[in-house]
């Protein structure tokens, strides 16, 4: 006759079974992204492992979770939007209570669904990546880097050229044009070189650029 399980064994199996349905956080991969609504269809990238009746481990591919709200940095009227694409990785953070009613109103709301830490109510936080997805140019100590396509903006570093302020650029352009016009009048039709030199000198004298924000482009 098979031995009856002891009470500690029964309790352990009950707790393990209960814990398998408590979801906290797991990496996911974006399958599609709705830019207007900032929601994504995301598939968790870790298979679900559960024991079968014989005690052997079975692996299950997780389903795609639709309409997952994506957390973008925002506050005080400012926001940063990341244009997620298929294949981007995120962290799925499962909520203690259902958040659907709160998402509709933005106010204190009833949960509706009383499931705790359920599989259907995560939010997605962009930024995580597998080892082969590390940022190619993370900068150096003391430097913050913003990659935009093939371009790189650097804050605090010394590897790129200062970025000119648009208003300062227009002022410098006007100053250079004025100086070049004066030089052309002074030297006549043969003074193209002098006019160009005057333009460059006045432009450089009026140029104002950011001492911290620098950009590097291919």
C-alpha atoms as a PDB file:
ATOM      1  CA  UNK A   1       0.000   0.000   0.000  1.00  0.00           C
ATOM      2  CA  UNK A   2       1.289   3.487  -0.762  1.00  0.00           C
ATOM      3  CA  UNK A   3       2.179   5.547   2.244  1.00  0.00           C
ATOM      4  CA  UNK A   4      -0.243   8.290   3.192  1.00  0.00           C
ATOM      5  CA  UNK A   5       1.271  11.793   2.962  1.00  0.00           C
ATOM      6  CA  UNK A   6       1.998  13.476   6.242  1.00  0.00           C
ATOM      7  CA  UNK A   7       0.308  16.693   7.243  1.00  0.00           C
ATOM      8  CA  UNK A   8       3.468  18.805   6.548  1.00  0.00           C
ATOM      9  CA  UNK A   9       3.664  17.275   3.064  1.00  0.00           C
ATOM     10  CA  UNK A  10       0.009  18.049   2.416  1.00  0.00           C
ATOM     11  CA  UNK A  11       0.470  21.634   3.567  1.00  0.00           C
ATOM     12  CA  UNK A  12       3.591  22.043   1.412  1.00  0.00           C
ATOM     13  CA  UNK A  13       1.780  20.800  -1.676  1.00  0.00           C
ATOM     14  CA  UNK A  14      -1.156  23.103  -0.964  1.00  0.00           C
ATOM     15  CA  UNK A  15       1.115  26.120  -0.581  1.00  0.00           C
ATOM     16  CA  UNK A  16       3.060  25.270  -3.734  1.00  0.00           C
ATOM     17  CA  UNK A  17      -0.165  24.896  -5.717  1.00  0.00           C
ATOM     18  CA  UNK A  18      -1.486  28.193  -4.338  1.00  0.00           C
ATOM     19  CA  UNK A  19       1.785  30.021  -5.062  1.00  0.00           C
ATOM     20  CA  UNK A  20       1.752  28.954  -8.728  1.00  0.00           C
ATOM     21  CA  UNK A  21      -1.259  31.164  -9.318  1.00  0.00           C
ATOM     22  CA  UNK A  22       0.296  34.216  -7.663  1.00  0.00           C
ATOM     23  CA  UNK A  23       1.985  36.339 -10.331  1.00  0.00           C
ATOM     24  CA  UNK A  24       4.470  39.067  -9.456  1.00  0.00           C
ATOM     25  CA  UNK A  25       6.866  40.065 -12.254  1.00  0.00           C
ATOM     26  CA  UNK A  26       8.299  38.388 -15.349  1.00  0.00           C
ATOM     27  CA  UNK A  27       9.987  39.523 -18.581  1.00  0.00           C
ATOM     28  CA  UNK A  28       7.842  39.777 -21.670  1.00  0.00           C
ATOM     29  CA  UNK A  29       8.227  40.453 -25.401  1.00  0.00           C
ATOM     30  CA  UNK A  30       6.120  42.985 -27.287  1.00  0.00           C
ATOM     31  CA  UNK A  31       4.038  41.441 -30.062  1.00  0.00           C
ATOM     32  CA  UNK A  32       2.323  44.675 -31.102  1.00  0.00           C
ATOM     33  CA  UNK A  33       2.066  48.234 -29.770  1.00  0.00           C
ATOM     34  CA  UNK A  34      -0.738  50.801 -30.018  1.00  0.00           C
ATOM     35  CA  UNK A  35       0.989  54.190 -30.007  1.00  0.00           C
ATOM     36  CA  UNK A  36      -2.202  56.207 -29.503  1.00  0.00           C
ATOM     37  CA  UNK A  37      -3.404  54.217 -26.478  1.00  0.00           C
ATOM     38  CA  UNK A  38       0.071  53.240 -25.187  1.00  0.00           C
ATOM     39  CA  UNK A  39      -0.967  49.624 -24.730  1.00  0.00           C
ATOM     40  CA  UNK A  40       0.813  46.523 -26.004  1.00  0.00           C
ATOM     41  CA  UNK A  41       0.115  42.870 -26.632  1.00  0.00           C
ATOM     42  CA  UNK A  42       2.860  41.094 -24.692  1.00  0.00           C
ATOM     43  CA  UNK A  43       3.867  37.453 -24.375  1.00  0.00           C
ATOM     44  CA  UNK A  44       5.763  36.346 -21.243  1.00  0.00           C
ATOM     45  CA  UNK A  45       9.106  34.808 -22.226  1.00  0.00           C
ATOM     46  CA  UNK A  46       9.435  32.272 -19.386  1.00  0.00           C
ATOM     47  CA  UNK A  47       7.514  29.037 -19.777  1.00  0.00           C
ATOM     48  CA  UNK A  48       5.161  28.006 -16.992  1.00  0.00           C
ATOM     49  CA  UNK A  49       6.423  24.874 -15.183  1.00  0.00           C
ATOM     50  CA  UNK A  50       3.904  22.670 -13.377  1.00  0.00           C
ATOM     51  CA  UNK A  51       4.049  19.083 -12.078  1.00  0.00           C
ATOM     52  CA  UNK A  52       1.774  16.486 -13.642  1.00  0.00           C
ATOM     53  CA  UNK A  53      -0.021  13.676 -11.771  1.00  0.00           C
ATOM     54  CA  UNK A  54       3.123  11.547 -11.834  1.00  0.00           C
ATOM     55  CA  UNK A  55       5.202  14.319 -10.338  1.00  0.00           C
ATOM     56  CA  UNK A  56       7.044  15.088 -13.574  1.00  0.00           C
ATOM     57  CA  UNK A  57       7.504  18.700 -14.643  1.00  0.00           C
ATOM     58  CA  UNK A  58       5.453  19.921 -17.597  1.00  0.00           C
ATOM     59  CA  UNK A  59       6.282  23.131 -19.458  1.00  0.00           C
ATOM     60  CA  UNK A  60       3.605  25.321 -20.990  1.00  0.00           C
ATOM     61  CA  UNK A  61       4.034  28.228 -23.415  1.00  0.00           C
ATOM     62  CA  UNK A  62       2.349  31.288 -21.892  1.00  0.00           C
ATOM     63  CA  UNK A  63      -0.401  33.035 -23.859  1.00  0.00           C
ATOM     64  CA  UNK A  64      -0.192  36.562 -25.248  1.00  0.00           C
ATOM     65  CA  UNK A  65      -1.620  39.107 -22.798  1.00  0.00           C
ATOM     66  CA  UNK A  66      -3.547  41.780 -24.753  1.00  0.00           C
ATOM     67  CA  UNK A  67      -3.904  45.506 -24.069  1.00  0.00           C
ATOM     68  CA  UNK A  68      -1.201  45.768 -21.428  1.00  0.00           C
ATOM     69  CA  UNK A  69      -0.757  49.419 -20.363  1.00  0.00           C
ATOM     70  CA  UNK A  70       2.818  50.562 -20.892  1.00  0.00           C
ATOM     71  CA  UNK A  71       4.407  52.738 -18.235  1.00  0.00           C
ATOM     72  CA  UNK A  72       6.157  55.754 -19.728  1.00  0.00           C
ATOM     73  CA  UNK A  73       8.071  58.268 -17.576  1.00  0.00           C
ATOM     74  CA  UNK A  74       5.813  61.233 -16.922  1.00  0.00           C
ATOM     75  CA  UNK A  75       4.938  63.849 -14.346  1.00  0.00           C
ATOM     76  CA  UNK A  76       4.201  67.535 -13.926  1.00  0.00           C
ATOM     77  CA  UNK A  77       2.970  67.864 -17.485  1.00  0.00           C
ATOM     78  CA  UNK A  78       6.139  66.307 -18.963  1.00  0.00           C
ATOM     79  CA  UNK A  79       6.413  62.872 -20.545  1.00  0.00           C
ATOM     80  CA  UNK A  80       8.861  60.695 -22.450  1.00  0.00           C
ATOM     81  CA  UNK A  81       7.381  58.355 -25.054  1.00  0.00           C
ATOM     82  CA  UNK A  82       9.347  55.348 -26.302  1.00  0.00           C
ATOM     83  CA  UNK A  83       8.139  54.060 -29.699  1.00  0.00           C
ATOM     84  CA  UNK A  84       8.009  50.361 -28.857  1.00  0.00           C
ATOM     85  CA  UNK A  85       8.171  47.864 -31.715  1.00  0.00           C
ATOM     86  CA  UNK A  86       7.575  44.133 -32.050  1.00  0.00           C
ATOM     87  CA  UNK A  87      10.398  42.260 -30.338  1.00  0.00           C
ATOM     88  CA  UNK A  88      11.140  44.870 -27.647  1.00  0.00           C
ATOM     89  CA  UNK A  89      11.354  43.440 -24.145  1.00  0.00           C
ATOM     90  CA  UNK A  90       9.548  44.733 -21.068  1.00  0.00           C
ATOM     91  CA  UNK A  91       9.000  43.733 -17.465  1.00  0.00           C
ATOM     92  CA  UNK A  92       5.435  42.634 -16.778  1.00  0.00           C
ATOM     93  CA  UNK A  93       4.482  43.797 -13.301  1.00  0.00           C
ATOM     94  CA  UNK A  94       1.302  42.045 -12.119  1.00  0.00           C
ATOM     95  CA  UNK A  95      -1.046  44.100  -9.981  1.00  0.00           C
ATOM     96  CA  UNK A  96      -2.298  43.193  -6.527  1.00  0.00           C
ATOM     97  CA  UNK A  97      -5.848  44.077  -7.624  1.00  0.00           C
ATOM     98  CA  UNK A  98      -7.581  44.501 -10.968  1.00  0.00           C
ATOM     99  CA  UNK A  99      -6.913  47.996 -12.330  1.00  0.00           C
ATOM    100  CA  UNK A 100      -9.429  48.171 -15.183  1.00  0.00           C
ATOM    101  CA  UNK A 101     -11.921  50.446 -13.400  1.00  0.00           C
ATOM    102  CA  UNK A 102      -9.165  52.777 -12.233  1.00  0.00           C
ATOM    103  CA  UNK A 103      -7.785  53.019 -15.772  1.00  0.00           C
ATOM    104  CA  UNK A 104     -11.191  54.180 -16.994  1.00  0.00           C
ATOM    105  CA  UNK A 105     -11.698  56.890 -14.368  1.00  0.00           C
ATOM    106  CA  UNK A 106      -8.307  57.758 -12.906  1.00  0.00           C
ATOM    107  CA  UNK A 107     -10.030  57.949  -9.514  1.00  0.00           C
ATOM    108  CA  UNK A 108     -10.264  55.637  -6.501  1.00  0.00           C
ATOM    109  CA  UNK A 109     -12.226  52.694  -7.869  1.00  0.00           C
ATOM    110  CA  UNK A 110     -13.592  49.282  -6.985  1.00  0.00           C
ATOM    111  CA  UNK A 111     -11.507  46.377  -8.283  1.00  0.00           C
ATOM    112  CA  UNK A 112     -14.417  44.576  -9.945  1.00  0.00           C
ATOM    113  CA  UNK A 113     -12.491  41.323 -10.367  1.00  0.00           C
ATOM    114  CA  UNK A 114     -11.468  40.128  -6.879  1.00  0.00           C
ATOM    115  CA  UNK A 115      -8.549  38.027  -8.141  1.00  0.00           C
ATOM    116  CA  UNK A 116      -5.289  38.923  -6.360  1.00  0.00           C
ATOM    117  CA  UNK A 117      -2.057  39.129  -8.372  1.00  0.00           C
ATOM    118  CA  UNK A 118      -3.915  37.749 -11.383  1.00  0.00           C
ATOM    119  CA  UNK A 119      -2.372  36.954 -14.754  1.00  0.00           C
ATOM    120  CA  UNK A 120      -4.692  39.316 -16.607  1.00  0.00           C
ATOM    121  CA  UNK A 121      -3.747  42.662 -15.031  1.00  0.00           C
ATOM    122  CA  UNK A 122      -0.076  43.496 -15.570  1.00  0.00           C
ATOM    123  CA  UNK A 123       1.566  46.736 -16.636  1.00  0.00           C
ATOM    124  CA  UNK A 124       4.609  46.745 -18.930  1.00  0.00           C
ATOM    125  CA  UNK A 125       7.776  48.644 -18.051  1.00  0.00           C
ATOM    126  CA  UNK A 126      10.188  49.084 -20.979  1.00  0.00           C
ATOM    127  CA  UNK A 127      13.946  48.939 -20.565  1.00  0.00           C
ATOM    128  CA  UNK A 128      14.929  45.379 -19.734  1.00  0.00           C
ATOM    129  CA  UNK A 129      16.748  43.337 -22.393  1.00  0.00           C
ATOM    130  CA  UNK A 130      18.541  39.997 -22.726  1.00  0.00           C
ATOM    131  CA  UNK A 131      22.326  39.903 -22.667  1.00  0.00           C
ATOM    132  CA  UNK A 132      22.559  40.234 -26.438  1.00  0.00           C
ATOM    133  CA  UNK A 133      20.442  43.392 -26.306  1.00  0.00           C
ATOM    134  CA  UNK A 134      22.776  45.508 -24.174  1.00  0.00           C
ATOM    135  CA  UNK A 135      23.029  49.183 -25.180  1.00  0.00           C
ATOM    136  CA  UNK A 136      25.830  49.426 -27.742  1.00  0.00           C
ATOM    137  CA  UNK A 137      27.113  52.811 -26.552  1.00  0.00           C
ATOM    138  CA  UNK A 138      26.490  53.276 -22.808  1.00  0.00           C
ATOM    139  CA  UNK A 139      28.941  56.184 -22.592  1.00  0.00           C
ATOM    140  CA  UNK A 140      31.645  56.654 -19.980  1.00  0.00           C
ATOM    141  CA  UNK A 141      31.625  57.485 -16.273  1.00  0.00           C
ATOM    142  CA  UNK A 142      30.032  60.858 -15.671  1.00  0.00           C
ATOM    143  CA  UNK A 143      28.207  60.840 -19.005  1.00  0.00           C
ATOM    144  CA  UNK A 144      24.544  60.220 -19.799  1.00  0.00           C
ATOM    145  CA  UNK A 145      23.744  58.926 -23.278  1.00  0.00           C
ATOM    146  CA  UNK A 146      20.517  59.143 -25.296  1.00  0.00           C
ATOM    147  CA  UNK A 147      20.499  57.034 -28.452  1.00  0.00           C
ATOM    148  CA  UNK A 148      18.108  58.202 -31.193  1.00  0.00           C
ATOM    149  CA  UNK A 149      18.332  55.972 -34.243  1.00  0.00           C
ATOM    150  CA  UNK A 150      21.940  56.173 -35.411  1.00  0.00           C
ATOM    151  CA  UNK A 151      22.547  59.401 -33.512  1.00  0.00           C
ATOM    152  CA  UNK A 152      23.814  59.769 -29.954  1.00  0.00           C
ATOM    153  CA  UNK A 153      23.204  62.675 -27.571  1.00  0.00           C
ATOM    154  CA  UNK A 154      25.676  62.957 -24.719  1.00  0.00           C
ATOM    155  CA  UNK A 155      25.244  64.955 -21.519  1.00  0.00           C
ATOM    156  CA  UNK A 156      28.314  65.714 -19.443  1.00  0.00           C
ATOM    157  CA  UNK A 157      30.811  64.013 -21.769  1.00  0.00           C
ATOM    158  CA  UNK A 158      33.545  65.360 -24.001  1.00  0.00           C
ATOM    159  CA  UNK A 159      33.324  63.037 -27.021  1.00  0.00           C
ATOM    160  CA  UNK A 160      31.051  65.174 -29.182  1.00  0.00           C
ATOM    161  CA  UNK A 161      30.421  68.745 -30.251  1.00  0.00           C
ATOM    162  CA  UNK A 162      28.213  71.206 -28.335  1.00  0.00           C
ATOM    163  CA  UNK A 163      24.643  71.506 -29.566  1.00  0.00           C
ATOM    164  CA  UNK A 164      23.701  74.996 -30.664  1.00  0.00           C
ATOM    165  CA  UNK A 165      20.563  76.634 -29.341  1.00  0.00           C
ATOM    166  CA  UNK A 166      18.138  77.362 -32.229  1.00  0.00           C
ATOM    167  CA  UNK A 167      17.522  81.002 -31.250  1.00  0.00           C
ATOM    168  CA  UNK A 168      21.274  81.571 -30.896  1.00  0.00           C
ATOM    169  CA  UNK A 169      21.841  80.003 -34.312  1.00  0.00           C
ATOM    170  CA  UNK A 170      19.381  82.404 -35.944  1.00  0.00           C
ATOM    171  CA  UNK A 171      20.950  85.378 -34.174  1.00  0.00           C
ATOM    172  CA  UNK A 172      24.426  84.293 -35.251  1.00  0.00           C
ATOM    173  CA  UNK A 173      23.227  83.802 -38.807  1.00  0.00           C
ATOM    174  CA  UNK A 174      21.769  87.305 -38.876  1.00  0.00           C
ATOM    175  CA  UNK A 175      24.967  88.784 -37.411  1.00  0.00           C
ATOM    176  CA  UNK A 176      27.118  86.990 -39.978  1.00  0.00           C
ATOM    177  CA  UNK A 177      24.902  88.107 -42.857  1.00  0.00           C
ATOM    178  CA  UNK A 178      25.063  91.720 -41.700  1.00  0.00           C
ATOM    179  CA  UNK A 179      28.862  91.596 -41.437  1.00  0.00           C
ATOM    180  CA  UNK A 180      29.186  89.925 -44.837  1.00  0.00           C
ATOM    181  CA  UNK A 181      26.970  92.555 -46.436  1.00  0.00           C
ATOM    182  CA  UNK A 182      29.152  95.322 -45.046  1.00  0.00           C
ATOM    183  CA  UNK A 183      32.334  93.658 -46.271  1.00  0.00           C
ATOM    184  CA  UNK A 184      30.899  93.168 -49.746  1.00  0.00           C
ATOM    185  CA  UNK A 185      29.925  96.838 -49.979  1.00  0.00           C
ATOM    186  CA  UNK A 186      33.362  97.913 -48.759  1.00  0.00           C
ATOM    187  CA  UNK A 187      35.445  95.895 -51.176  1.00  0.00           C
ATOM    188  CA  UNK A 188      33.160  95.820 -54.194  1.00  0.00           C
ATOM    189  CA  UNK A 189      32.353  92.939 -56.482  1.00  0.00           C
ATOM    190  CA  UNK A 190      35.764  91.302 -56.071  1.00  0.00           C
ATOM    191  CA  UNK A 191      35.459  90.943 -52.325  1.00  0.00           C
ATOM    192  CA  UNK A 192      33.704  87.576 -52.081  1.00  0.00           C
ATOM    193  CA  UNK A 193      36.494  86.101 -49.973  1.00  0.00           C
ATOM    194  CA  UNK A 194      36.464  89.063 -47.593  1.00  0.00           C
ATOM    195  CA  UNK A 195      32.686  88.870 -47.306  1.00  0.00           C
ATOM    196  CA  UNK A 196      32.843  85.171 -46.472  1.00  0.00           C
ATOM    197  CA  UNK A 197      35.553  85.776 -43.856  1.00  0.00           C
ATOM    198  CA  UNK A 198      33.465  88.520 -42.275  1.00  0.00           C
ATOM    199  CA  UNK A 199      30.429  86.232 -42.226  1.00  0.00           C
ATOM    200  CA  UNK A 200      32.301  83.396 -40.491  1.00  0.00           C
ATOM    201  CA  UNK A 201      33.880  85.727 -37.928  1.00  0.00           C
ATOM    202  CA  UNK A 202      30.589  87.359 -36.966  1.00  0.00           C
ATOM    203  CA  UNK A 203      28.820  83.997 -36.897  1.00  0.00           C
ATOM    204  CA  UNK A 204      31.385  82.471 -34.531  1.00  0.00           C
ATOM    205  CA  UNK A 205      31.359  85.537 -32.269  1.00  0.00           C
ATOM    206  CA  UNK A 206      27.559  85.391 -31.898  1.00  0.00           C
ATOM    207  CA  UNK A 207      27.279  81.611 -31.591  1.00  0.00           C
ATOM    208  CA  UNK A 208      26.019  80.283 -28.264  1.00  0.00           C
ATOM    209  CA  UNK A 209      25.954  76.553 -27.612  1.00  0.00           C
ATOM    210  CA  UNK A 210      25.099  74.327 -24.668  1.00  0.00           C
ATOM    211  CA  UNK A 211      28.116  73.573 -22.451  1.00  0.00           C
ATOM    212  CA  UNK A 212      26.629  70.220 -21.368  1.00  0.00           C
ATOM    213  CA  UNK A 213      24.430  68.835 -24.138  1.00  0.00           C
ATOM    214  CA  UNK A 214      26.464  67.445 -27.003  1.00  0.00           C
ATOM    215  CA  UNK A 215      25.533  65.323 -29.981  1.00  0.00           C
ATOM    216  CA  UNK A 216      27.353  62.771 -32.066  1.00  0.00           C
ATOM    217  CA  UNK A 217      26.022  61.607 -35.441  1.00  0.00           C
ATOM    218  CA  UNK A 218      27.499  59.223 -38.012  1.00  0.00           C
END
